mmCIF file of all heavy atoms, coordinates in Angstrom:
data_MODEL
# 
_entry.id   MODEL 
# 
loop_
_atom_site.group_PDB 
_atom_site.id 
_atom_site.type_symbol 
_atom_site.label_atom_id 
_atom_site.label_alt_id 
_atom_site.label_comp_id 
_atom_site.label_asym_id 
_atom_site.label_entity_id 
_atom_site.label_seq_id 
_atom_site.pdbx_PDB_ins_code 
_atom_site.Cartn_x 
_atom_site.Cartn_y 
_atom_site.Cartn_z 
_atom_site.occupancy 
_atom_site.B_iso_or_equiv 
_atom_site.pdbx_formal_charge 
_atom_site.auth_seq_id 
_atom_site.auth_comp_id 
_atom_site.auth_asym_id 
_atom_site.auth_atom_id 
_atom_site.pdbx_PDB_model_num 
ATOM 1   N N   . VAL A 1 1  ? -37.879 -23.881 125.856 1.00 0.00 ? 1  VAL A N   1 
ATOM 2   C CA  . VAL A 1 1  ? -37.390 -23.658 124.520 1.00 0.00 ? 1  VAL A CA  1 
ATOM 3   C C   . VAL A 1 1  ? -38.223 -22.565 123.940 1.00 0.00 ? 1  VAL A C   1 
ATOM 4   O O   . VAL A 1 1  ? -39.406 -22.602 123.963 1.00 0.00 ? 1  VAL A O   1 
ATOM 5   C CB  . VAL A 1 1  ? -37.357 -24.993 123.613 1.00 0.00 ? 1  VAL A CB  1 
ATOM 6   C CG1 . VAL A 1 1  ? -36.945 -24.633 122.250 1.00 0.00 ? 1  VAL A CG1 1 
ATOM 7   C CG2 . VAL A 1 1  ? -36.592 -26.017 124.267 1.00 0.00 ? 1  VAL A CG2 1 
ATOM 8   N N   . VAL A 1 2  ? -37.507 -21.568 123.343 1.00 0.00 ? 2  VAL A N   1 
ATOM 9   C CA  . VAL A 1 2  ? -38.059 -20.417 122.703 1.00 0.00 ? 2  VAL A CA  1 
ATOM 10  C C   . VAL A 1 2  ? -37.578 -20.466 121.300 1.00 0.00 ? 2  VAL A C   1 
ATOM 11  O O   . VAL A 1 2  ? -36.396 -20.456 121.120 1.00 0.00 ? 2  VAL A O   1 
ATOM 12  C CB  . VAL A 1 2  ? -37.678 -19.082 123.382 1.00 0.00 ? 2  VAL A CB  1 
ATOM 13  C CG1 . VAL A 1 2  ? -38.387 -17.907 122.602 1.00 0.00 ? 2  VAL A CG1 1 
ATOM 14  C CG2 . VAL A 1 2  ? -38.114 -19.002 124.880 1.00 0.00 ? 2  VAL A CG2 1 
ATOM 15  N N   . LEU A 1 3  ? -38.591 -20.505 120.393 1.00 0.00 ? 3  LEU A N   1 
ATOM 16  C CA  . LEU A 1 3  ? -38.198 -20.507 118.991 1.00 0.00 ? 3  LEU A CA  1 
ATOM 17  C C   . LEU A 1 3  ? -38.672 -19.175 118.329 1.00 0.00 ? 3  LEU A C   1 
ATOM 18  O O   . LEU A 1 3  ? -39.861 -18.982 118.251 1.00 0.00 ? 3  LEU A O   1 
ATOM 19  C CB  . LEU A 1 3  ? -38.818 -21.771 118.328 1.00 0.00 ? 3  LEU A CB  1 
ATOM 20  C CG  . LEU A 1 3  ? -38.519 -23.076 118.916 1.00 0.00 ? 3  LEU A CG  1 
ATOM 21  C CD1 . LEU A 1 3  ? -39.270 -24.207 118.222 1.00 0.00 ? 3  LEU A CD1 1 
ATOM 22  C CD2 . LEU A 1 3  ? -36.991 -23.370 118.906 1.00 0.00 ? 3  LEU A CD2 1 
ATOM 23  N N   . GLU A 1 4  ? -37.738 -18.430 117.744 1.00 0.00 ? 4  GLU A N   1 
ATOM 24  C CA  . GLU A 1 4  ? -38.024 -17.120 117.123 1.00 0.00 ? 4  GLU A CA  1 
ATOM 25  C C   . GLU A 1 4  ? -37.882 -17.319 115.617 1.00 0.00 ? 4  GLU A C   1 
ATOM 26  O O   . GLU A 1 4  ? -36.785 -17.630 115.156 1.00 0.00 ? 4  GLU A O   1 
ATOM 27  C CB  . GLU A 1 4  ? -37.134 -16.127 117.659 1.00 0.00 ? 4  GLU A CB  1 
ATOM 28  C CG  . GLU A 1 4  ? -37.251 -14.738 117.062 1.00 0.00 ? 4  GLU A CG  1 
ATOM 29  C CD  . GLU A 1 4  ? -36.277 -13.697 117.667 1.00 0.00 ? 4  GLU A CD  1 
ATOM 30  O OE1 . GLU A 1 4  ? -35.509 -14.066 118.615 1.00 0.00 ? 4  GLU A OE1 1 
ATOM 31  O OE2 . GLU A 1 4  ? -36.211 -12.671 117.107 1.00 0.00 ? 4  GLU A OE2 1 
ATOM 32  N N   . SER A 1 5  ? -38.890 -17.085 114.835 1.00 0.00 ? 5  SER A N   1 
ATOM 33  C CA  . SER A 1 5  ? -38.858 -17.210 113.443 1.00 0.00 ? 5  SER A CA  1 
ATOM 34  C C   . SER A 1 5  ? -38.520 -18.678 113.009 1.00 0.00 ? 5  SER A C   1 
ATOM 35  O O   . SER A 1 5  ? -37.668 -18.831 112.253 1.00 0.00 ? 5  SER A O   1 
ATOM 36  C CB  . SER A 1 5  ? -38.003 -16.267 112.737 1.00 0.00 ? 5  SER A CB  1 
ATOM 37  O OG  . SER A 1 5  ? -38.299 -14.876 113.097 1.00 0.00 ? 5  SER A OG  1 
ATOM 38  N N   . PRO A 1 6  ? -39.234 -19.596 113.566 1.00 0.00 ? 6  PRO A N   1 
ATOM 39  C CA  . PRO A 1 6  ? -38.886 -21.081 113.221 1.00 0.00 ? 6  PRO A CA  1 
ATOM 40  C C   . PRO A 1 6  ? -39.483 -21.601 111.922 1.00 0.00 ? 6  PRO A C   1 
ATOM 41  O O   . PRO A 1 6  ? -40.403 -20.918 111.357 1.00 0.00 ? 6  PRO A O   1 
ATOM 42  C CB  . PRO A 1 6  ? -39.443 -21.820 114.397 1.00 0.00 ? 6  PRO A CB  1 
ATOM 43  C CG  . PRO A 1 6  ? -40.724 -21.115 114.789 1.00 0.00 ? 6  PRO A CG  1 
ATOM 44  C CD  . PRO A 1 6  ? -40.361 -19.627 114.449 1.00 0.00 ? 6  PRO A CD  1 
ATOM 45  N N   . TYR A 1 7  ? -39.036 -22.724 111.590 1.00 0.00 ? 7  TYR A N   1 
ATOM 46  C CA  . TYR A 1 7  ? -39.554 -23.437 110.398 1.00 0.00 ? 7  TYR A CA  1 
ATOM 47  C C   . TYR A 1 7  ? -39.781 -24.910 110.872 1.00 0.00 ? 7  TYR A C   1 
ATOM 48  O O   . TYR A 1 7  ? -39.480 -25.273 112.017 1.00 0.00 ? 7  TYR A O   1 
ATOM 49  C CB  . TYR A 1 7  ? -38.498 -23.453 109.264 1.00 0.00 ? 7  TYR A CB  1 
ATOM 50  C CG  . TYR A 1 7  ? -37.141 -23.830 109.817 1.00 0.00 ? 7  TYR A CG  1 
ATOM 51  C CD1 . TYR A 1 7  ? -36.769 -25.140 109.816 1.00 0.00 ? 7  TYR A CD1 1 
ATOM 52  C CD2 . TYR A 1 7  ? -36.241 -22.877 110.265 1.00 0.00 ? 7  TYR A CD2 1 
ATOM 53  C CE1 . TYR A 1 7  ? -35.482 -25.593 110.265 1.00 0.00 ? 7  TYR A CE1 1 
ATOM 54  C CE2 . TYR A 1 7  ? -34.969 -23.220 110.763 1.00 0.00 ? 7  TYR A CE2 1 
ATOM 55  C CZ  . TYR A 1 7  ? -34.664 -24.629 110.824 1.00 0.00 ? 7  TYR A CZ  1 
ATOM 56  O OH  . TYR A 1 7  ? -33.470 -24.957 111.333 1.00 0.00 ? 7  TYR A OH  1 
ATOM 57  N N   . THR A 1 8  ? -40.398 -25.715 109.958 1.00 0.00 ? 8  THR A N   1 
ATOM 58  C CA  . THR A 1 8  ? -40.779 -27.109 110.418 1.00 0.00 ? 8  THR A CA  1 
ATOM 59  C C   . THR A 1 8  ? -39.440 -27.959 110.249 1.00 0.00 ? 8  THR A C   1 
ATOM 60  O O   . THR A 1 8  ? -39.077 -28.700 111.171 1.00 0.00 ? 8  THR A O   1 
ATOM 61  C CB  . THR A 1 8  ? -41.770 -27.627 109.431 1.00 0.00 ? 8  THR A CB  1 
ATOM 62  O OG1 . THR A 1 8  ? -41.524 -27.343 108.146 1.00 0.00 ? 8  THR A OG1 1 
ATOM 63  C CG2 . THR A 1 8  ? -43.237 -27.011 109.894 1.00 0.00 ? 8  THR A CG2 1 
ATOM 64  N N   . ASN A 1 9  ? -38.906 -27.908 109.097 1.00 0.00 ? 9  ASN A N   1 
ATOM 65  C CA  . ASN A 1 9  ? -37.548 -28.583 108.797 1.00 0.00 ? 9  ASN A CA  1 
ATOM 66  C C   . ASN A 1 9  ? -36.880 -27.808 107.723 1.00 0.00 ? 9  ASN A C   1 
ATOM 67  O O   . ASN A 1 9  ? -37.492 -27.016 107.049 1.00 0.00 ? 9  ASN A O   1 
ATOM 68  C CB  . ASN A 1 9  ? -37.829 -30.103 108.449 1.00 0.00 ? 9  ASN A CB  1 
ATOM 69  C CG  . ASN A 1 9  ? -38.770 -30.195 107.215 1.00 0.00 ? 9  ASN A CG  1 
ATOM 70  O OD1 . ASN A 1 9  ? -38.398 -29.772 106.091 1.00 0.00 ? 9  ASN A OD1 1 
ATOM 71  N ND2 . ASN A 1 9  ? -39.986 -30.696 107.462 1.00 0.00 ? 9  ASN A ND2 1 
ATOM 72  N N   . ILE A 1 10 ? -35.606 -28.092 107.523 1.00 0.00 ? 10 ILE A N   1 
ATOM 73  C CA  . ILE A 1 10 ? -34.758 -27.296 106.575 1.00 0.00 ? 10 ILE A CA  1 
ATOM 74  C C   . ILE A 1 10 ? -35.266 -27.433 105.179 1.00 0.00 ? 10 ILE A C   1 
ATOM 75  O O   . ILE A 1 10 ? -35.281 -26.487 104.399 1.00 0.00 ? 10 ILE A O   1 
ATOM 76  C CB  . ILE A 1 10 ? -33.299 -27.531 106.802 1.00 0.00 ? 10 ILE A CB  1 
ATOM 77  C CG1 . ILE A 1 10 ? -32.441 -26.351 106.214 1.00 0.00 ? 10 ILE A CG1 1 
ATOM 78  C CG2 . ILE A 1 10 ? -32.958 -28.916 106.138 1.00 0.00 ? 10 ILE A CG2 1 
ATOM 79  C CD1 . ILE A 1 10 ? -32.571 -25.168 107.072 1.00 0.00 ? 10 ILE A CD1 1 
ATOM 80  N N   . ARG A 1 11 ? -35.829 -28.586 104.770 1.00 0.00 ? 11 ARG A N   1 
ATOM 81  C CA  . ARG A 1 11 ? -36.326 -28.718 103.467 1.00 0.00 ? 11 ARG A CA  1 
ATOM 82  C C   . ARG A 1 11 ? -37.524 -27.881 103.245 1.00 0.00 ? 11 ARG A C   1 
ATOM 83  O O   . ARG A 1 11 ? -37.643 -27.148 102.143 1.00 0.00 ? 11 ARG A O   1 
ATOM 84  C CB  . ARG A 1 11 ? -36.677 -30.210 103.169 1.00 0.00 ? 11 ARG A CB  1 
ATOM 85  C CG  . ARG A 1 11 ? -37.118 -30.483 101.753 1.00 0.00 ? 11 ARG A CG  1 
ATOM 86  C CD  . ARG A 1 11 ? -37.410 -31.875 101.512 1.00 0.00 ? 11 ARG A CD  1 
ATOM 87  N NE  . ARG A 1 11 ? -37.948 -32.136 100.183 1.00 0.00 ? 11 ARG A NE  1 
ATOM 88  C CZ  . ARG A 1 11 ? -37.135 -32.471 99.165  1.00 0.00 ? 11 ARG A CZ  1 
ATOM 89  N NH1 . ARG A 1 11 ? -35.927 -32.662 99.363  1.00 0.00 ? 11 ARG A NH1 1 
ATOM 90  N NH2 . ARG A 1 11 ? -37.673 -32.667 97.963  1.00 0.00 ? 11 ARG A NH2 1 
ATOM 91  N N   . ASP A 1 12 ? -38.394 -27.801 104.108 1.00 0.00 ? 12 ASP A N   1 
ATOM 92  C CA  . ASP A 1 12 ? -39.611 -26.944 103.949 1.00 0.00 ? 12 ASP A CA  1 
ATOM 93  C C   . ASP A 1 12 ? -39.185 -25.472 103.979 1.00 0.00 ? 12 ASP A C   1 
ATOM 94  O O   . ASP A 1 12 ? -39.738 -24.674 103.183 1.00 0.00 ? 12 ASP A O   1 
ATOM 95  C CB  . ASP A 1 12 ? -40.584 -27.122 105.118 1.00 0.00 ? 12 ASP A CB  1 
ATOM 96  C CG  . ASP A 1 12 ? -41.390 -28.450 105.053 1.00 0.00 ? 12 ASP A CG  1 
ATOM 97  O OD1 . ASP A 1 12 ? -41.352 -29.074 104.019 1.00 0.00 ? 12 ASP A OD1 1 
ATOM 98  O OD2 . ASP A 1 12 ? -42.127 -28.726 106.050 1.00 0.00 ? 12 ASP A OD2 1 
ATOM 99  N N   . ALA A 1 13 ? -38.170 -25.128 104.783 1.00 0.00 ? 13 ALA A N   1 
ATOM 100 C CA  . ALA A 1 13 ? -37.716 -23.744 104.916 1.00 0.00 ? 13 ALA A CA  1 
ATOM 101 C C   . ALA A 1 13 ? -37.026 -23.298 103.445 1.00 0.00 ? 13 ALA A C   1 
ATOM 102 O O   . ALA A 1 13 ? -37.402 -22.273 102.925 1.00 0.00 ? 13 ALA A O   1 
ATOM 103 C CB  . ALA A 1 13 ? -36.653 -23.530 105.925 1.00 0.00 ? 13 ALA A CB  1 
ATOM 104 N N   . ALA A 1 14 ? -36.300 -24.214 102.939 1.00 0.00 ? 14 ALA A N   1 
ATOM 105 C CA  . ALA A 1 14 ? -35.568 -23.891 101.640 1.00 0.00 ? 14 ALA A CA  1 
ATOM 106 C C   . ALA A 1 14 ? -36.617 -23.828 100.496 1.00 0.00 ? 14 ALA A C   1 
ATOM 107 O O   . ALA A 1 14 ? -36.529 -23.038 99.604  1.00 0.00 ? 14 ALA A O   1 
ATOM 108 C CB  . ALA A 1 14 ? -34.535 -24.919 101.297 1.00 0.00 ? 14 ALA A CB  1 
ATOM 109 N N   . ALA A 1 15 ? -37.706 -24.658 100.632 1.00 0.00 ? 15 ALA A N   1 
ATOM 110 C CA  . ALA A 1 15 ? -38.732 -24.625 99.575  1.00 0.00 ? 15 ALA A CA  1 
ATOM 111 C C   . ALA A 1 15 ? -39.635 -23.454 99.646  1.00 0.00 ? 15 ALA A C   1 
ATOM 112 O O   . ALA A 1 15 ? -40.225 -23.076 98.630  1.00 0.00 ? 15 ALA A O   1 
ATOM 113 C CB  . ALA A 1 15 ? -39.542 -25.894 99.734  1.00 0.00 ? 15 ALA A CB  1 
ATOM 114 N N   . ASN A 1 16 ? -39.654 -22.768 100.778 1.00 0.00 ? 16 ASN A N   1 
ATOM 115 C CA  . ASN A 1 16 ? -40.560 -21.718 100.967 1.00 0.00 ? 16 ASN A CA  1 
ATOM 116 C C   . ASN A 1 16 ? -39.930 -20.320 101.159 1.00 0.00 ? 16 ASN A C   1 
ATOM 117 O O   . ASN A 1 16 ? -40.731 -19.317 101.116 1.00 0.00 ? 16 ASN A O   1 
ATOM 118 C CB  . ASN A 1 16 ? -41.432 -21.950 102.192 1.00 0.00 ? 16 ASN A CB  1 
ATOM 119 C CG  . ASN A 1 16 ? -42.543 -22.977 101.857 1.00 0.00 ? 16 ASN A CG  1 
ATOM 120 O OD1 . ASN A 1 16 ? -43.580 -22.701 101.267 1.00 0.00 ? 16 ASN A OD1 1 
ATOM 121 N ND2 . ASN A 1 16 ? -42.239 -24.299 102.218 1.00 0.00 ? 16 ASN A ND2 1 
ATOM 122 N N   . ILE A 1 17 ? -38.579 -20.245 101.405 1.00 0.00 ? 17 ILE A N   1 
ATOM 123 C CA  . ILE A 1 17 ? -38.125 -18.893 101.476 1.00 0.00 ? 17 ILE A CA  1 
ATOM 124 C C   . ILE A 1 17 ? -38.204 -18.124 100.141 1.00 0.00 ? 17 ILE A C   1 
ATOM 125 O O   . ILE A 1 17 ? -38.041 -18.650 99.116  1.00 0.00 ? 17 ILE A O   1 
ATOM 126 C CB  . ILE A 1 17 ? -36.594 -18.928 101.989 1.00 0.00 ? 17 ILE A CB  1 
ATOM 127 C CG1 . ILE A 1 17 ? -35.661 -19.730 100.991 1.00 0.00 ? 17 ILE A CG1 1 
ATOM 128 C CG2 . ILE A 1 17 ? -36.551 -19.498 103.429 1.00 0.00 ? 17 ILE A CG2 1 
ATOM 129 C CD1 . ILE A 1 17 ? -34.186 -19.648 101.493 1.00 0.00 ? 17 ILE A CD1 1 
ATOM 130 N N   . PRO A 1 18 ? -38.450 -16.951 100.254 1.00 0.00 ? 18 PRO A N   1 
ATOM 131 C CA  . PRO A 1 18 ? -38.711 -16.078 98.986  1.00 0.00 ? 18 PRO A CA  1 
ATOM 132 C C   . PRO A 1 18 ? -37.564 -16.117 98.047  1.00 0.00 ? 18 PRO A C   1 
ATOM 133 O O   . PRO A 1 18 ? -37.836 -15.991 96.830  1.00 0.00 ? 18 PRO A O   1 
ATOM 134 C CB  . PRO A 1 18 ? -38.869 -14.613 99.545  1.00 0.00 ? 18 PRO A CB  1 
ATOM 135 C CG  . PRO A 1 18 ? -39.478 -14.895 100.985 1.00 0.00 ? 18 PRO A CG  1 
ATOM 136 C CD  . PRO A 1 18 ? -38.811 -16.018 101.507 1.00 0.00 ? 18 PRO A CD  1 
ATOM 137 N N   . ILE A 1 19 ? -36.344 -16.176 98.438  1.00 0.00 ? 19 ILE A N   1 
ATOM 138 C CA  . ILE A 1 19 ? -35.180 -16.160 97.571  1.00 0.00 ? 19 ILE A CA  1 
ATOM 139 C C   . ILE A 1 19 ? -35.271 -17.308 96.553  1.00 0.00 ? 19 ILE A C   1 
ATOM 140 O O   . ILE A 1 19 ? -34.697 -17.249 95.485  1.00 0.00 ? 19 ILE A O   1 
ATOM 141 C CB  . ILE A 1 19 ? -33.849 -16.053 98.299  1.00 0.00 ? 19 ILE A CB  1 
ATOM 142 C CG1 . ILE A 1 19 ? -32.811 -15.581 97.364  1.00 0.00 ? 19 ILE A CG1 1 
ATOM 143 C CG2 . ILE A 1 19 ? -33.491 -17.395 98.929  1.00 0.00 ? 19 ILE A CG2 1 
ATOM 144 C CD1 . ILE A 1 19 ? -31.444 -15.218 98.064  1.00 0.00 ? 19 ILE A CD1 1 
ATOM 145 N N   . THR A 1 20 ? -35.843 -18.476 96.982  1.00 0.00 ? 20 THR A N   1 
ATOM 146 C CA  . THR A 1 20 ? -35.907 -19.528 95.923  1.00 0.00 ? 20 THR A CA  1 
ATOM 147 C C   . THR A 1 20 ? -37.209 -19.535 95.137  1.00 0.00 ? 20 THR A C   1 
ATOM 148 O O   . THR A 1 20 ? -37.295 -20.421 94.165  1.00 0.00 ? 20 THR A O   1 
ATOM 149 C CB  . THR A 1 20 ? -36.006 -20.888 96.790  1.00 0.00 ? 20 THR A CB  1 
ATOM 150 O OG1 . THR A 1 20 ? -37.249 -20.916 97.568  1.00 0.00 ? 20 THR A OG1 1 
ATOM 151 C CG2 . THR A 1 20 ? -34.761 -21.072 97.608  1.00 0.00 ? 20 THR A CG2 1 
ATOM 152 N N   . LYS A 1 21 ? -37.943 -18.514 95.175  1.00 0.00 ? 21 LYS A N   1 
ATOM 153 C CA  . LYS A 1 21 ? -39.289 -18.497 94.437  1.00 0.00 ? 21 LYS A CA  1 
ATOM 154 C C   . LYS A 1 21 ? -39.026 -18.574 92.969  1.00 0.00 ? 21 LYS A C   1 
ATOM 155 O O   . LYS A 1 21 ? -39.711 -19.353 92.286  1.00 0.00 ? 21 LYS A O   1 
ATOM 156 C CB  . LYS A 1 21 ? -40.037 -17.235 94.744  1.00 0.00 ? 21 LYS A CB  1 
ATOM 157 C CG  . LYS A 1 21 ? -41.368 -17.194 94.167  1.00 0.00 ? 21 LYS A CG  1 
ATOM 158 C CD  . LYS A 1 21 ? -42.226 -15.949 94.621  1.00 0.00 ? 21 LYS A CD  1 
ATOM 159 C CE  . LYS A 1 21 ? -43.569 -16.024 94.092  1.00 0.00 ? 21 LYS A CE  1 
ATOM 160 N NZ  . LYS A 1 21 ? -44.409 -14.953 94.523  1.00 0.00 ? 21 LYS A NZ  1 
ATOM 161 N N   . ILE A 1 22 ? -38.133 -17.872 92.459  1.00 0.00 ? 22 ILE A N   1 
ATOM 162 C CA  . ILE A 1 22 ? -37.839 -17.886 90.981  1.00 0.00 ? 22 ILE A CA  1 
ATOM 163 C C   . ILE A 1 22 ? -37.348 -19.247 90.563  1.00 0.00 ? 22 ILE A C   1 
ATOM 164 O O   . ILE A 1 22 ? -37.578 -19.711 89.375  1.00 0.00 ? 22 ILE A O   1 
ATOM 165 C CB  . ILE A 1 22 ? -36.911 -16.803 90.615  1.00 0.00 ? 22 ILE A CB  1 
ATOM 166 C CG1 . ILE A 1 22 ? -36.904 -16.603 89.039  1.00 0.00 ? 22 ILE A CG1 1 
ATOM 167 C CG2 . ILE A 1 22 ? -35.518 -16.995 91.116  1.00 0.00 ? 22 ILE A CG2 1 
ATOM 168 C CD1 . ILE A 1 22 ? -36.204 -15.268 88.572  1.00 0.00 ? 22 ILE A CD1 1 
ATOM 169 N N   . TYR A 1 23 ? -36.624 -19.938 91.416  1.00 0.00 ? 23 TYR A N   1 
ATOM 170 C CA  . TYR A 1 23 ? -36.032 -21.235 90.992  1.00 0.00 ? 23 TYR A CA  1 
ATOM 171 C C   . TYR A 1 23 ? -36.952 -22.387 91.130  1.00 0.00 ? 23 TYR A C   1 
ATOM 172 O O   . TYR A 1 23 ? -36.758 -23.456 90.526  1.00 0.00 ? 23 TYR A O   1 
ATOM 173 C CB  . TYR A 1 23 ? -34.788 -21.503 91.809  1.00 0.00 ? 23 TYR A CB  1 
ATOM 174 C CG  . TYR A 1 23 ? -33.769 -20.404 91.706  1.00 0.00 ? 23 TYR A CG  1 
ATOM 175 C CD1 . TYR A 1 23 ? -33.518 -19.506 92.721  1.00 0.00 ? 23 TYR A CD1 1 
ATOM 176 C CD2 . TYR A 1 23 ? -32.997 -20.276 90.516  1.00 0.00 ? 23 TYR A CD2 1 
ATOM 177 C CE1 . TYR A 1 23 ? -32.561 -18.469 92.597  1.00 0.00 ? 23 TYR A CE1 1 
ATOM 178 C CE2 . TYR A 1 23 ? -32.053 -19.245 90.357  1.00 0.00 ? 23 TYR A CE2 1 
ATOM 179 C CZ  . TYR A 1 23 ? -31.873 -18.324 91.379  1.00 0.00 ? 23 TYR A CZ  1 
ATOM 180 O OH  . TYR A 1 23 ? -30.948 -17.388 91.258  1.00 0.00 ? 23 TYR A OH  1 
ATOM 181 N N   . ARG A 1 24 ? -38.054 -22.284 91.862  1.00 0.00 ? 24 ARG A N   1 
ATOM 182 C CA  . ARG A 1 24 ? -38.961 -23.375 92.123  1.00 0.00 ? 24 ARG A CA  1 
ATOM 183 C C   . ARG A 1 24 ? -39.633 -23.934 90.825  1.00 0.00 ? 24 ARG A C   1 
ATOM 184 O O   . ARG A 1 24 ? -39.984 -24.999 90.802  1.00 0.00 ? 24 ARG A O   1 
ATOM 185 C CB  . ARG A 1 24 ? -40.069 -22.984 93.123  1.00 0.00 ? 24 ARG A CB  1 
ATOM 186 C CG  . ARG A 1 24 ? -39.544 -22.757 94.517  1.00 0.00 ? 24 ARG A CG  1 
ATOM 187 C CD  . ARG A 1 24 ? -40.692 -22.296 95.451  1.00 0.00 ? 24 ARG A CD  1 
ATOM 188 N NE  . ARG A 1 24 ? -40.169 -21.376 96.406  1.00 0.00 ? 24 ARG A NE  1 
ATOM 189 C CZ  . ARG A 1 24 ? -40.763 -20.474 96.990  1.00 0.00 ? 24 ARG A CZ  1 
ATOM 190 N NH1 . ARG A 1 24 ? -42.087 -20.248 96.720  1.00 0.00 ? 24 ARG A NH1 1 
ATOM 191 N NH2 . ARG A 1 24 ? -40.213 -19.590 97.791  1.00 0.00 ? 24 ARG A NH2 1 
# 
């Protein structure tokens, strides 16, 4: 299995992606 630009789980990804920064 090769994982390119992975995250731990979708909740962590959504909480950390830059686009959500202003809304956090």
